[in-house]
């Protein structure tokens, strides 16, 4: 996938646990874990907005575009 999720990095920088983020955002710890591991296939803008609000960050701090390597 060309989108890399750095949620774990931002959470570590802000010293926020999965439990704390889950409670503050209002989604399950399992869904936070799915986001952290990069296994998510989609995220609602409302969820992204709340995560950014809680972590005091921008969406670009969490989501990065990394082009797939070209196959020769």
Protein backbone atom coordinates (compact mmCIF):
# COMPACT_ATOMS: atom_id res chain seq x y z
CA UNK A 1 0.00 0.00 0.00
CA UNK A 2 1.29 3.46 -0.84
CA UNK A 3 -0.08 5.09 2.35
CA UNK A 4 2.05 4.64 5.47
CA UNK A 5 0.48 5.25 8.86
CA UNK A 6 2.74 6.75 11.53
CA UNK A 7 0.15 6.82 14.30
CA UNK A 8 2.40 4.82 16.63
CA UNK A 9 5.20 7.38 16.19
CA UNK A 10 2.94 10.34 16.97
CA UNK A 11 1.42 8.52 19.94
CA UNK A 12 4.90 7.81 21.33
CA UNK A 13 5.95 11.45 20.85
CA UNK A 14 2.85 12.66 22.67
CA UNK A 15 3.09 9.87 25.30
CA UNK A 16 -0.47 8.71 24.64
CA UNK A 17 -1.43 5.06 25.12
CA UNK A 18 -3.82 3.02 22.98
CA UNK A 19 -6.28 3.03 25.88
CA UNK A 20 -6.12 6.81 26.31
CA UNK A 21 -6.52 7.47 22.58
CA UNK A 22 -9.32 4.95 22.27
CA UNK A 23 -11.29 6.57 25.08
CA UNK A 24 -10.65 10.12 23.86
CA UNK A 25 -11.56 9.38 20.23
CA UNK A 26 -14.45 7.06 21.00
CA UNK A 27 -13.34 4.01 18.99
CA UNK A 28 -12.26 0.60 20.20
CA UNK A 29 -8.70 -0.25 21.19
CA UNK A 30 -8.79 -2.92 18.48
CA UNK A 31 -9.48 -0.26 15.83
CA UNK A 32 -6.67 1.95 17.17
CA UNK A 33 -4.37 -1.08 16.96
CA UNK A 34 -5.44 -1.74 13.36
CA UNK A 35 -4.57 1.85 12.51
CA UNK A 36 -1.24 1.68 14.35
CA UNK A 37 -0.13 -1.46 12.53
CA UNK A 38 -1.07 -0.07 9.12
CA UNK A 39 -3.64 -2.80 8.47
CA UNK A 40 -6.52 -0.35 8.08
CA UNK A 41 -7.95 0.01 4.58
CA UNK A 42 -9.95 3.16 5.34
CA UNK A 43 -10.47 5.82 7.98
CA UNK A 44 -13.39 8.17 8.41
CA UNK A 45 -12.55 11.85 8.25
CA UNK A 46 -14.40 12.35 11.52
CA UNK A 47 -12.14 9.75 13.18
CA UNK A 48 -9.01 11.30 11.66
CA UNK A 49 -10.17 14.74 12.82
CA UNK A 50 -10.70 13.52 16.39
CA UNK A 51 -7.31 11.73 16.46
CA UNK A 52 -5.60 14.92 15.27
CA UNK A 53 -7.49 16.94 17.87
CA UNK A 54 -6.50 14.61 20.70
CA UNK A 55 -2.86 14.29 19.58
CA UNK A 56 -2.59 17.98 18.62
CA UNK A 57 -1.20 17.13 15.18
CA UNK A 58 -1.97 17.42 11.48
CA UNK A 59 -3.20 14.54 9.26
CA UNK A 60 0.17 14.68 7.46
CA UNK A 61 1.89 13.81 10.73
CA UNK A 62 -0.01 10.51 10.77
CA UNK A 63 -0.46 9.66 7.07
CA UNK A 64 2.39 9.57 4.55
CA UNK A 65 2.35 8.78 0.83
CA UNK A 66 5.15 6.38 -0.05
CA UNK A 67 5.13 5.32 -3.71
CA UNK A 68 5.38 1.59 -4.34
CA UNK A 69 8.75 0.54 -5.71
CA UNK A 70 8.74 0.15 -9.48
CA UNK A 71 9.29 -3.42 -10.67
CA UNK A 72 11.96 -3.72 -13.36
